[in-house]
Amino acid sequence: MRATTAFSRLLRLHGVRVRAVRFEPQRVVVTVALRRRHLQCPDCAYRAKGRFDTRPVHSVWRHLDLGVWRLEVAATKRV
């Protein structure tokens, strides 16, 4: 089984796909990307292609630790 498939099943993040997994001495970094091109409002389900903020921003979230390793989920918002 691939590491990306294993972490996709382990994290169960809806609406994103695991692109890469990087193992470092003190942490594991899982890079994710949105599955859709169109964004959807969680309240009314309205779909839109555009958005107000179009800057590419790199974000990192800390997930639950994997034993002694720190697990981080990283994503880059693209235009």
C-alpha atoms as a PDB file:
ATOM      1  CA  MET A   1       0.000   0.000   0.000  1.00  0.00           C
ATOM      2  CA  ARG A   2       1.286   3.479  -0.834  1.00  0.00           C
ATOM      3  CA  ALA A   3       1.988   5.957   1.952  1.00  0.00           C
ATOM      4  CA  THR A   4      -0.447   8.465   0.380  1.00  0.00           C
ATOM      5  CA  THR A   5      -3.256   5.883   0.397  1.00  0.00           C
ATOM      6  CA  ALA A   6      -2.497   4.866   3.974  1.00  0.00           C
ATOM      7  CA  PHE A   7      -2.546   8.459   5.244  1.00  0.00           C
ATOM      8  CA  SER A   8      -5.680   9.244   3.239  1.00  0.00           C
ATOM      9  CA  ARG A   9      -7.478   6.407   5.034  1.00  0.00           C
ATOM     10  CA  LEU A  10      -5.895   7.253   8.379  1.00  0.00           C
ATOM     11  CA  LEU A  11      -6.762  10.972   8.364  1.00  0.00           C
ATOM     12  CA  ARG A  12     -10.217  10.685   6.710  1.00  0.00           C
ATOM     13  CA  LEU A  13     -10.165  14.275   5.449  1.00  0.00           C
ATOM     14  CA  HIS A  14     -13.240  14.917   3.299  1.00  0.00           C
ATOM     15  CA  GLY A  15     -12.915  17.008   0.142  1.00  0.00           C
ATOM     16  CA  VAL A  16      -9.137  16.770  -0.094  1.00  0.00           C
ATOM     17  CA  ARG A  17      -6.688  14.264  -1.501  1.00  0.00           C
ATOM     18  CA  VAL A  18      -3.285  13.367  -0.106  1.00  0.00           C
ATOM     19  CA  ARG A  19      -0.640  14.411  -2.627  1.00  0.00           C
ATOM     20  CA  ALA A  20       2.566  13.522  -0.770  1.00  0.00           C
ATOM     21  CA  VAL A  21       3.901  12.242   2.530  1.00  0.00           C
ATOM     22  CA  ARG A  22       7.290  13.353   3.817  1.00  0.00           C
ATOM     23  CA  PHE A  23       8.964  11.625   6.776  1.00  0.00           C
ATOM     24  CA  GLU A  24      11.393  13.754   8.785  1.00  0.00           C
ATOM     25  CA  PRO A  25      13.252  12.885  12.034  1.00  0.00           C
ATOM     26  CA  GLN A  26      10.804  14.687  14.354  1.00  0.00           C
ATOM     27  CA  ARG A  27       7.667  14.988  12.212  1.00  0.00           C
ATOM     28  CA  VAL A  28       5.601  13.627   9.351  1.00  0.00           C
ATOM     29  CA  VAL A  29       4.299  16.174   6.818  1.00  0.00           C
ATOM     30  CA  VAL A  30       1.238  15.209   4.754  1.00  0.00           C
ATOM     31  CA  THR A  31       0.618  17.510   1.765  1.00  0.00           C
ATOM     32  CA  VAL A  32      -3.020  17.721   0.643  1.00  0.00           C
ATOM     33  CA  ALA A  33      -4.944  19.397  -2.210  1.00  0.00           C
ATOM     34  CA  LEU A  34      -8.617  20.164  -2.797  1.00  0.00           C
ATOM     35  CA  ARG A  35     -10.493  17.599  -4.900  1.00  0.00           C
ATOM     36  CA  ARG A  36     -12.749  20.165  -6.572  1.00  0.00           C
ATOM     37  CA  ARG A  37     -12.108  23.216  -8.670  1.00  0.00           C
ATOM     38  CA  HIS A  38     -15.314  24.870  -7.496  1.00  0.00           C
ATOM     39  CA  LEU A  39     -15.682  25.884  -3.880  1.00  0.00           C
ATOM     40  CA  GLN A  40     -18.912  25.059  -2.061  1.00  0.00           C
ATOM     41  CA  CYS A  41     -20.557  26.871   0.842  1.00  0.00           C
ATOM     42  CA  PRO A  42     -21.034  24.494   3.808  1.00  0.00           C
ATOM     43  CA  ASP A  43     -24.302  26.234   4.797  1.00  0.00           C
ATOM     44  CA  CYS A  44     -26.274  26.687   1.564  1.00  0.00           C
ATOM     45  CA  ALA A  45     -24.294  24.429  -0.851  1.00  0.00           C
ATOM     46  CA  TYR A  46     -23.812  27.317  -3.331  1.00  0.00           C
ATOM     47  CA  ARG A  47     -20.911  26.574  -5.689  1.00  0.00           C
ATOM     48  CA  ALA A  48     -18.583  29.234  -7.082  1.00  0.00           C
ATOM     49  CA  LYS A  49     -15.407  29.087  -9.121  1.00  0.00           C
ATOM     50  CA  GLY A  50     -14.088  32.477  -8.018  1.00  0.00           C
ATOM     51  CA  ARG A  51     -13.124  33.719  -4.606  1.00  0.00           C
ATOM     52  CA  PHE A  52     -12.185  37.027  -3.069  1.00  0.00           C
ATOM     53  CA  ASP A  53      -8.652  36.192  -1.973  1.00  0.00           C
ATOM     54  CA  THR A  54      -6.583  34.658  -4.789  1.00  0.00           C
ATOM     55  CA  ARG A  55      -3.112  34.838  -3.236  1.00  0.00           C
ATOM     56  CA  PRO A  56      -1.291  31.495  -3.074  1.00  0.00           C
ATOM     57  CA  VAL A  57      -0.991  30.900   0.662  1.00  0.00           C
ATOM     58  CA  HIS A  58       0.842  27.995   2.253  1.00  0.00           C
ATOM     59  CA  SER A  59      -0.940  26.705   5.381  1.00  0.00           C
ATOM     60  CA  VAL A  60       0.103  24.071   7.909  1.00  0.00           C
ATOM     61  CA  TRP A  61      -2.157  22.486  10.529  1.00  0.00           C
ATOM     62  CA  ARG A  62      -1.050  20.236  13.339  1.00  0.00           C
ATOM     63  CA  HIS A  63      -2.944  16.949  13.543  1.00  0.00           C
ATOM     64  CA  LEU A  64      -2.911  14.365  16.336  1.00  0.00           C
ATOM     65  CA  ASP A  65       0.578  13.024  16.946  1.00  0.00           C
ATOM     66  CA  LEU A  66       1.696   9.606  15.696  1.00  0.00           C
ATOM     67  CA  GLY A  67       3.476   8.294  18.755  1.00  0.00           C
ATOM     68  CA  VAL A  68       6.684  10.317  19.029  1.00  0.00           C
ATOM     69  CA  TRP A  69       6.265  12.009  15.617  1.00  0.00           C
ATOM     70  CA  ARG A  70       4.414  15.264  15.140  1.00  0.00           C
ATOM     71  CA  LEU A  71       1.881  15.036  12.284  1.00  0.00           C
ATOM     72  CA  GLU A  72       1.359  18.144  10.161  1.00  0.00           C
ATOM     73  CA  VAL A  73      -1.117  18.633   7.313  1.00  0.00           C
ATOM     74  CA  ALA A  74       0.106  21.136   4.711  1.00  0.00           C
ATOM     75  CA  ALA A  75      -1.822  22.726   1.846  1.00  0.00           C
ATOM     76  CA  THR A  76      -1.335  25.514  -0.664  1.00  0.00           C
ATOM     77  CA  LYS A  77      -4.350  27.465  -1.870  1.00  0.00           C
ATOM     78  CA  ARG A  78      -3.987  27.968  -5.614  1.00  0.00           C
ATOM     79  CA  VAL A  79      -5.675  30.284  -8.048  1.00  0.00           C
END
